[in-house]
Amino acid sequence: MSFSYEYTIQLRDTDAAGVVYFANIISICHVAYEASLIAANINLKLLVNNQEFAVPITHVSADFFKPLYCGDRVIIHLTPRSIDSCRFEIKYQLLSPESLVIATAVTKHITIAPQTRKRRELTVSLNQWLSQWGE
């Protein structure tokens, strides 16, 4: 079951032409990612300020089908999927209130030990999050 999040496009998300700046689509998706972690009872402060593990993004891609303007409302469907014991990806669909696909995006993440920068297995809480919102 995917996680759904409503977002209103902010002025800060747009460029001089008044449409969402291409790189900001990932920031918008990241807001939904953070909300899904919170909804799964993952403490963001502990996730980010952790000496045992870090979860950097290793890949980003996005496709745009319609422009988004300041004030537009979108529904973001986020679906994570485990790749292996250390990595996962998140697929995003940004939909209009009428359920038209406006954009899609994918982020890939890896869990590492911060000091050595070597891979480590996903944490129990991240595996639970994957189960809760995954395919």
N, C-alpha and C. Protein backbone atom coordinates (compact mmCIF):
# COMPACT_ATOMS: atom_id res chain seq x y z
N MET A 1 0.85 -1.18 0.00
CA MET A 1 0.00 0.00 0.00
C MET A 1 0.89 1.24 0.00
N SER A 2 0.69 2.12 -0.94
CA SER A 2 1.52 3.32 -1.02
C SER A 2 1.07 4.36 0.01
N PHE A 3 1.96 5.29 0.29
CA PHE A 3 1.69 6.40 1.18
C PHE A 3 1.24 7.58 0.33
N SER A 4 0.22 8.30 0.77
CA SER A 4 -0.28 9.47 0.04
C SER A 4 -0.08 10.72 0.88
N TYR A 5 0.30 11.79 0.19
CA TYR A 5 0.58 13.06 0.87
C TYR A 5 0.10 14.20 -0.02
N GLU A 6 -0.64 15.12 0.54
CA GLU A 6 -1.09 16.30 -0.20
C GLU A 6 -0.10 17.44 -0.01
N TYR A 7 0.17 18.14 -1.10
CA TYR A 7 1.13 19.25 -1.06
C TYR A 7 0.60 20.38 -1.93
N THR A 8 0.76 21.60 -1.46
CA THR A 8 0.41 22.79 -2.24
C THR A 8 1.71 23.42 -2.73
N ILE A 9 1.81 23.63 -4.03
CA ILE A 9 3.01 24.21 -4.62
C ILE A 9 3.20 25.62 -4.07
N GLN A 10 4.39 25.88 -3.56
CA GLN A 10 4.74 27.15 -2.95
C GLN A 10 5.47 28.04 -3.95
N LEU A 11 5.47 29.33 -3.70
CA LEU A 11 6.20 30.26 -4.55
C LEU A 11 7.67 29.86 -4.64
N ARG A 12 8.23 29.42 -3.53
CA ARG A 12 9.66 29.03 -3.50
C ARG A 12 9.96 27.83 -4.40
N ASP A 13 8.93 27.07 -4.79
CA ASP A 13 9.12 25.91 -5.66
C ASP A 13 9.23 26.29 -7.13
N THR A 14 8.86 27.52 -7.48
CA THR A 14 8.75 27.91 -8.88
C THR A 14 9.95 28.72 -9.36
N ASP A 15 10.05 28.81 -10.68
CA ASP A 15 11.12 29.59 -11.30
C ASP A 15 10.56 30.92 -11.84
N ALA A 16 11.38 31.65 -12.58
CA ALA A 16 10.96 32.96 -13.09
C ALA A 16 9.79 32.86 -14.07
N ALA A 17 9.58 31.69 -14.66
CA ALA A 17 8.45 31.50 -15.58
C ALA A 17 7.17 31.15 -14.83
N GLY A 18 7.28 30.97 -13.51
CA GLY A 18 6.11 30.69 -12.70
C GLY A 18 5.74 29.23 -12.58
N VAL A 19 6.59 28.34 -13.10
CA VAL A 19 6.33 26.90 -12.99
C VAL A 19 7.34 26.26 -12.04
N VAL A 20 7.03 25.08 -11.56
CA VAL A 20 7.95 24.40 -10.64
C VAL A 20 9.29 24.21 -11.34
N TYR A 21 10.34 24.68 -10.68
CA TYR A 21 11.71 24.50 -11.16
C TYR A 21 12.02 23.01 -11.13
N PHE A 22 12.64 22.48 -12.19
CA PHE A 22 12.80 21.03 -12.35
C PHE A 22 13.42 20.34 -11.13
N ALA A 23 14.43 20.93 -10.53
CA ALA A 23 15.10 20.28 -9.39
C ALA A 23 14.23 20.27 -8.14
N ASN A 24 13.29 21.19 -8.05
CA ASN A 24 12.44 21.27 -6.86
C ASN A 24 11.42 20.14 -6.79
N ILE A 25 11.18 19.44 -7.89
CA ILE A 25 10.26 18.32 -7.83
C ILE A 25 10.79 17.26 -6.86
N ILE A 26 12.10 17.10 -6.80
CA ILE A 26 12.69 16.13 -5.87
C ILE A 26 12.54 16.62 -4.43
N SER A 27 12.69 17.90 -4.20
CA SER A 27 12.45 18.45 -2.86
C SER A 27 11.02 18.22 -2.42
N ILE A 28 10.09 18.41 -3.34
CA ILE A 28 8.68 18.17 -3.03
C ILE A 28 8.45 16.70 -2.70
N CYS A 29 9.04 15.82 -3.48
CA CYS A 29 8.93 14.38 -3.19
C CYS A 29 9.56 14.05 -1.84
N HIS A 30 10.66 14.72 -1.52
CA HIS A 30 11.35 14.46 -0.25
C HIS A 30 10.47 14.84 0.94
N VAL A 31 9.65 15.88 0.79
CA VAL A 31 8.70 16.24 1.85
C VAL A 31 7.76 15.07 2.11
N ALA A 32 7.28 14.43 1.05
CA ALA A 32 6.39 13.27 1.20
C ALA A 32 7.14 12.09 1.83
N TYR A 33 8.39 11.89 1.44
CA TYR A 33 9.23 10.83 2.02
C TYR A 33 9.35 11.03 3.54
N GLU A 34 9.68 12.25 3.95
CA GLU A 34 9.79 12.53 5.38
C GLU A 34 8.47 12.29 6.11
N ALA A 35 7.36 12.70 5.49
CA ALA A 35 6.04 12.49 6.10
C ALA A 35 5.74 11.00 6.24
N SER A 36 6.17 10.20 5.26
CA SER A 36 5.92 8.75 5.35
C SER A 36 6.74 8.12 6.48
N LEU A 37 7.96 8.62 6.68
CA LEU A 37 8.79 8.12 7.79
C LEU A 37 8.14 8.47 9.13
N ILE A 38 7.66 9.69 9.26
CA ILE A 38 6.99 10.13 10.49
C ILE A 38 5.74 9.29 10.73
N ALA A 39 4.97 9.04 9.66
CA ALA A 39 3.75 8.24 9.79
C ALA A 39 4.05 6.80 10.22
N ALA A 40 5.26 6.34 9.93
CA ALA A 40 5.69 5.00 10.34
C ALA A 40 6.40 5.03 11.70
N ASN A 41 6.29 6.16 12.40
CA ASN A 41 6.88 6.33 13.75
C ASN A 41 8.40 6.27 13.76
N ILE A 42 9.01 6.74 12.68
CA ILE A 42 10.47 6.85 12.64
C ILE A 42 10.83 8.28 13.06
N ASN A 43 11.69 8.40 14.04
CA ASN A 43 12.12 9.69 14.55
C ASN A 43 13.16 10.27 13.59
N LEU A 44 12.79 11.34 12.89
CA LEU A 44 13.69 11.92 11.89
C LEU A 44 15.00 12.43 12.50
N LYS A 45 14.91 12.99 13.69
CA LYS A 45 16.12 13.51 14.33
C LYS A 45 17.11 12.38 14.59
N LEU A 46 16.61 11.23 15.05
CA LEU A 46 17.49 10.08 15.29
C LEU A 46 17.97 9.47 13.98
N LEU A 47 17.15 9.53 12.95
CA LEU A 47 17.54 8.98 11.66
C LEU A 47 18.69 9.78 11.06
N VAL A 48 18.61 11.10 11.17
CA VAL A 48 19.62 11.97 10.56
C VAL A 48 20.88 12.10 11.41
N ASN A 49 20.72 12.18 12.72
CA ASN A 49 21.86 12.36 13.63
C ASN A 49 22.23 11.04 14.27
N ASN A 50 22.66 10.11 13.45
CA ASN A 50 22.94 8.77 13.93
C ASN A 50 24.38 8.40 13.60
N GLN A 51 25.10 7.88 14.57
CA GLN A 51 26.49 7.47 14.36
C GLN A 51 26.61 6.06 13.77
N GLU A 52 25.51 5.31 13.81
CA GLU A 52 25.52 3.92 13.36
C GLU A 52 25.24 3.76 11.87
N PHE A 53 24.41 4.63 11.32
CA PHE A 53 24.05 4.49 9.91
C PHE A 53 23.64 5.83 9.31
N ALA A 54 23.74 5.89 7.99
CA ALA A 54 23.25 7.03 7.22
C ALA A 54 22.54 6.46 6.00
N VAL A 55 21.65 7.26 5.42
CA VAL A 55 20.85 6.78 4.29
C VAL A 55 20.93 7.79 3.14
N PRO A 56 22.08 7.88 2.47
CA PRO A 56 22.20 8.84 1.37
C PRO A 56 21.42 8.40 0.13
N ILE A 57 21.07 9.37 -0.69
CA ILE A 57 20.43 9.11 -1.97
C ILE A 57 21.54 8.90 -3.01
N THR A 58 21.41 7.84 -3.81
CA THR A 58 22.44 7.52 -4.80
C THR A 58 21.98 7.75 -6.25
N HIS A 59 20.69 7.96 -6.43
CA HIS A 59 20.15 8.15 -7.79
C HIS A 59 18.85 8.92 -7.71
N VAL A 60 18.65 9.79 -8.70
CA VAL A 60 17.41 10.56 -8.81
C VAL A 60 17.03 10.65 -10.28
N SER A 61 15.74 10.47 -10.57
CA SER A 61 15.24 10.74 -11.91
C SER A 61 13.81 11.25 -11.81
N ALA A 62 13.40 12.03 -12.80
CA ALA A 62 12.04 12.57 -12.81
C ALA A 62 11.57 12.77 -14.24
N ASP A 63 10.27 12.61 -14.43
CA ASP A 63 9.62 12.87 -15.71
C ASP A 63 8.45 13.81 -15.45
N PHE A 64 8.29 14.78 -16.35
CA PHE A 64 7.26 15.80 -16.20
C PHE A 64 6.27 15.69 -17.35
N PHE A 65 4.97 15.74 -17.04
CA PHE A 65 3.94 15.60 -18.05
C PHE A 65 3.08 16.86 -18.19
N LYS A 66 2.99 17.65 -17.13
CA LYS A 66 2.23 18.90 -17.15
C LYS A 66 2.95 19.89 -16.23
N PRO A 67 2.84 21.18 -16.49
CA PRO A 67 3.46 22.15 -15.59
C PRO A 67 2.69 22.27 -14.28
N LEU A 68 3.41 22.62 -13.23
CA LEU A 68 2.82 22.91 -11.92
C LEU A 68 3.07 24.37 -11.60
N TYR A 69 2.05 25.05 -11.06
CA TYR A 69 2.13 26.47 -10.76
C TYR A 69 1.91 26.70 -9.26
N CYS A 70 2.38 27.83 -8.79
CA CYS A 70 2.18 28.22 -7.39
C CYS A 70 0.69 28.13 -7.06
N GLY A 71 0.37 27.49 -5.95
CA GLY A 71 -1.01 27.33 -5.51
C GLY A 71 -1.65 26.03 -5.95
N ASP A 72 -1.06 25.34 -6.95
CA ASP A 72 -1.61 24.05 -7.36
C ASP A 72 -1.49 23.05 -6.22
N ARG A 73 -2.49 22.23 -6.10
CA ARG A 73 -2.45 21.14 -5.11
C ARG A 73 -2.12 19.85 -5.83
N VAL A 74 -1.26 19.04 -5.24
CA VAL A 74 -0.93 17.73 -5.80
C VAL A 74 -1.06 16.68 -4.71
N ILE A 75 -1.33 15.48 -5.14
CA ILE A 75 -1.32 14.33 -4.25
C ILE A 75 -0.12 13.49 -4.67
N ILE A 76 0.74 13.22 -3.72
CA ILE A 76 1.95 12.46 -4.00
C ILE A 76 1.75 11.05 -3.47
N HIS A 77 1.82 10.08 -4.38
CA HIS A 77 1.80 8.66 -3.98
C HIS A 77 3.25 8.19 -3.98
N LEU A 78 3.66 7.67 -2.86
CA LEU A 78 5.04 7.23 -2.65
C LEU A 78 5.01 5.73 -2.39
N THR A 79 5.81 4.98 -3.15
CA THR A 79 5.86 3.53 -2.97
C THR A 79 7.32 3.09 -2.89
N PRO A 80 7.78 2.70 -1.70
CA PRO A 80 9.16 2.21 -1.58
C PRO A 80 9.25 0.73 -1.92
N ARG A 81 10.45 0.32 -2.33
CA ARG A 81 10.69 -1.08 -2.66
C ARG A 81 12.12 -1.43 -2.29
N SER A 82 12.29 -2.55 -1.62
CA SER A 82 13.62 -3.02 -1.27
C SER A 82 14.33 -3.51 -2.54
N ILE A 83 15.59 -3.12 -2.69
CA ILE A 83 16.41 -3.61 -3.80
C ILE A 83 17.23 -4.80 -3.32
N ASP A 84 17.86 -4.64 -2.17
CA ASP A 84 18.60 -5.73 -1.51
C ASP A 84 18.68 -5.38 -0.03
N SER A 85 19.53 -6.05 0.71
CA SER A 85 19.57 -5.85 2.17
C SER A 85 20.11 -4.48 2.59
N CYS A 86 20.71 -3.74 1.65
CA CYS A 86 21.29 -2.43 1.95
C CYS A 86 20.63 -1.27 1.20
N ARG A 87 19.84 -1.57 0.17
CA ARG A 87 19.35 -0.52 -0.70
C ARG A 87 17.83 -0.60 -0.90
N PHE A 88 17.24 0.57 -1.16
CA PHE A 88 15.83 0.62 -1.52
C PHE A 88 15.62 1.77 -2.49
N GLU A 89 14.50 1.71 -3.19
CA GLU A 89 14.11 2.80 -4.07
C GLU A 89 12.71 3.26 -3.71
N ILE A 90 12.42 4.50 -4.08
CA ILE A 90 11.08 5.04 -3.86
C ILE A 90 10.57 5.56 -5.19
N LYS A 91 9.38 5.11 -5.58
CA LYS A 91 8.72 5.62 -6.78
C LYS A 91 7.65 6.61 -6.32
N TYR A 92 7.62 7.76 -6.98
CA TYR A 92 6.67 8.82 -6.67
C TYR A 92 5.78 9.08 -7.88
N GLN A 93 4.52 9.31 -7.63
CA GLN A 93 3.58 9.81 -8.63
C GLN A 93 2.97 11.08 -8.08
N LEU A 94 3.05 12.16 -8.83
CA LEU A 94 2.41 13.41 -8.45
C LEU A 94 1.16 13.55 -9.29
N LEU A 95 0.01 13.60 -8.62
CA LEU A 95 -1.27 13.62 -9.30
C LEU A 95 -2.01 14.92 -9.02
N SER A 96 -2.81 15.34 -9.99
CA SER A 96 -3.71 16.47 -9.78
C SER A 96 -4.87 15.99 -8.91
N PRO A 97 -5.66 16.91 -8.34
CA PRO A 97 -6.84 16.49 -7.58
C PRO A 97 -7.81 15.65 -8.42
N GLU A 98 -7.72 15.77 -9.77
CA GLU A 98 -8.56 14.97 -10.67
C GLU A 98 -7.89 13.64 -11.03
N SER A 99 -6.78 13.31 -10.37
CA SER A 99 -6.04 12.06 -10.57
C SER A 99 -5.29 11.97 -11.89
N LEU A 100 -4.95 13.11 -12.49
CA LEU A 100 -4.11 13.11 -13.68
C LEU A 100 -2.64 13.08 -13.25
N VAL A 101 -1.83 12.24 -13.89
CA VAL A 101 -0.41 12.16 -13.55
C VAL A 101 0.29 13.40 -14.10
N ILE A 102 0.89 14.16 -13.19
CA ILE A 102 1.58 15.40 -13.55
C ILE A 102 3.09 15.15 -13.69
N ALA A 103 3.62 14.30 -12.81
CA ALA A 103 5.04 13.99 -12.84
C ALA A 103 5.27 12.66 -12.12
N THR A 104 6.39 12.04 -12.43
CA THR A 104 6.83 10.85 -11.70
C THR A 104 8.30 11.06 -11.35
N ALA A 105 8.72 10.38 -10.31
CA ALA A 105 10.13 10.47 -9.90
C ALA A 105 10.54 9.17 -9.23
N VAL A 106 11.84 8.95 -9.18
CA VAL A 106 12.41 7.80 -8.50
C VAL A 106 13.65 8.28 -7.75
N THR A 107 13.78 7.84 -6.50
CA THR A 107 15.03 8.03 -5.76
C THR A 107 15.51 6.67 -5.30
N LYS A 108 16.82 6.47 -5.31
CA LYS A 108 17.43 5.24 -4.79
C LYS A 108 18.31 5.62 -3.61
N HIS A 109 18.28 4.79 -2.59
CA HIS A 109 18.95 5.06 -1.32
C HIS A 109 19.79 3.85 -0.92
N ILE A 110 20.82 4.10 -0.14
CA ILE A 110 21.66 3.03 0.40
C ILE A 110 21.92 3.31 1.87
N THR A 111 22.02 2.26 2.65
CA THR A 111 22.35 2.42 4.07
C THR A 111 23.84 2.13 4.23
N ILE A 112 24.52 3.07 4.89
CA ILE A 112 25.97 2.94 5.09
C ILE A 112 26.32 3.22 6.55
N ALA A 113 27.51 2.79 6.93
CA ALA A 113 28.11 3.19 8.21
C ALA A 113 28.81 4.53 7.95
N PRO A 114 28.45 5.60 8.66
CA PRO A 114 29.01 6.93 8.35
C PRO A 114 30.53 7.03 8.45
N GLN A 115 31.13 6.35 9.41
CA GLN A 115 32.58 6.49 9.60
C GLN A 115 33.37 5.81 8.49
N THR A 116 32.92 4.63 8.05
CA THR A 116 33.67 3.87 7.05
C THR A 116 33.14 4.07 5.64
N ARG A 117 31.91 4.60 5.51
CA ARG A 117 31.21 4.78 4.24
C ARG A 117 30.95 3.44 3.54
N LYS A 118 30.99 2.36 4.30
CA LYS A 118 30.71 1.02 3.76
C LYS A 118 29.25 0.69 3.95
N ARG A 119 28.74 -0.15 3.05
CA ARG A 119 27.35 -0.58 3.13
C ARG A 119 27.07 -1.29 4.44
N ARG A 120 25.84 -1.13 4.89
CA ARG A 120 25.37 -1.91 6.04
C ARG A 120 23.91 -2.23 5.79
N GLU A 121 23.42 -3.22 6.48
CA GLU A 121 22.04 -3.65 6.27
C GLU A 121 21.05 -2.59 6.73
N LEU A 122 19.91 -2.59 6.08
CA LEU A 122 18.83 -1.68 6.47
C LEU A 122 18.46 -1.93 7.92
N THR A 123 18.07 -0.88 8.60
CA THR A 123 17.66 -1.00 10.00
C THR A 123 16.29 -1.66 10.09
N VAL A 124 15.97 -2.13 11.28
CA VAL A 124 14.66 -2.73 11.52
C VAL A 124 13.56 -1.73 11.21
N SER A 125 13.73 -0.49 11.65
CA SER A 125 12.69 0.52 11.43
C SER A 125 12.50 0.81 9.94
N LEU A 126 13.58 0.85 9.16
CA LEU A 126 13.43 1.07 7.72
C LEU A 126 12.78 -0.13 7.04
N ASN A 127 13.10 -1.33 7.48
CA ASN A 127 12.43 -2.51 6.93
C ASN A 127 10.94 -2.51 7.25
N GLN A 128 10.59 -2.06 8.45
CA GLN A 128 9.17 -1.95 8.81
C GLN A 128 8.49 -0.89 7.94
N TRP A 129 9.15 0.23 7.72
CA TRP A 129 8.62 1.28 6.85
C TRP A 129 8.40 0.74 5.44
N LEU A 130 9.38 -0.02 4.92
CA LEU A 130 9.25 -0.63 3.59
C LEU A 130 8.03 -1.56 3.54
N SER A 131 7.85 -2.34 4.59
CA SER A 131 6.69 -3.24 4.64
C SER A 131 5.37 -2.48 4.71
N GLN A 132 5.37 -1.40 5.48
CA GLN A 132 4.14 -0.64 5.67
C GLN A 132 3.67 0.05 4.39
N TRP A 133 4.59 0.66 3.65
CA TRP A 133 4.20 1.46 2.50
C TRP A 133 4.60 0.83 1.16
N GLY A 134 5.30 -0.30 1.20
CA GLY A 134 5.82 -0.90 -0.03
C GLY A 134 4.80 -1.64 -0.86
N GLU A 135 5.30 -2.14 -1.97
CA GLU A 135 4.46 -2.86 -2.94
C GLU A 135 3.96 -4.17 -2.38
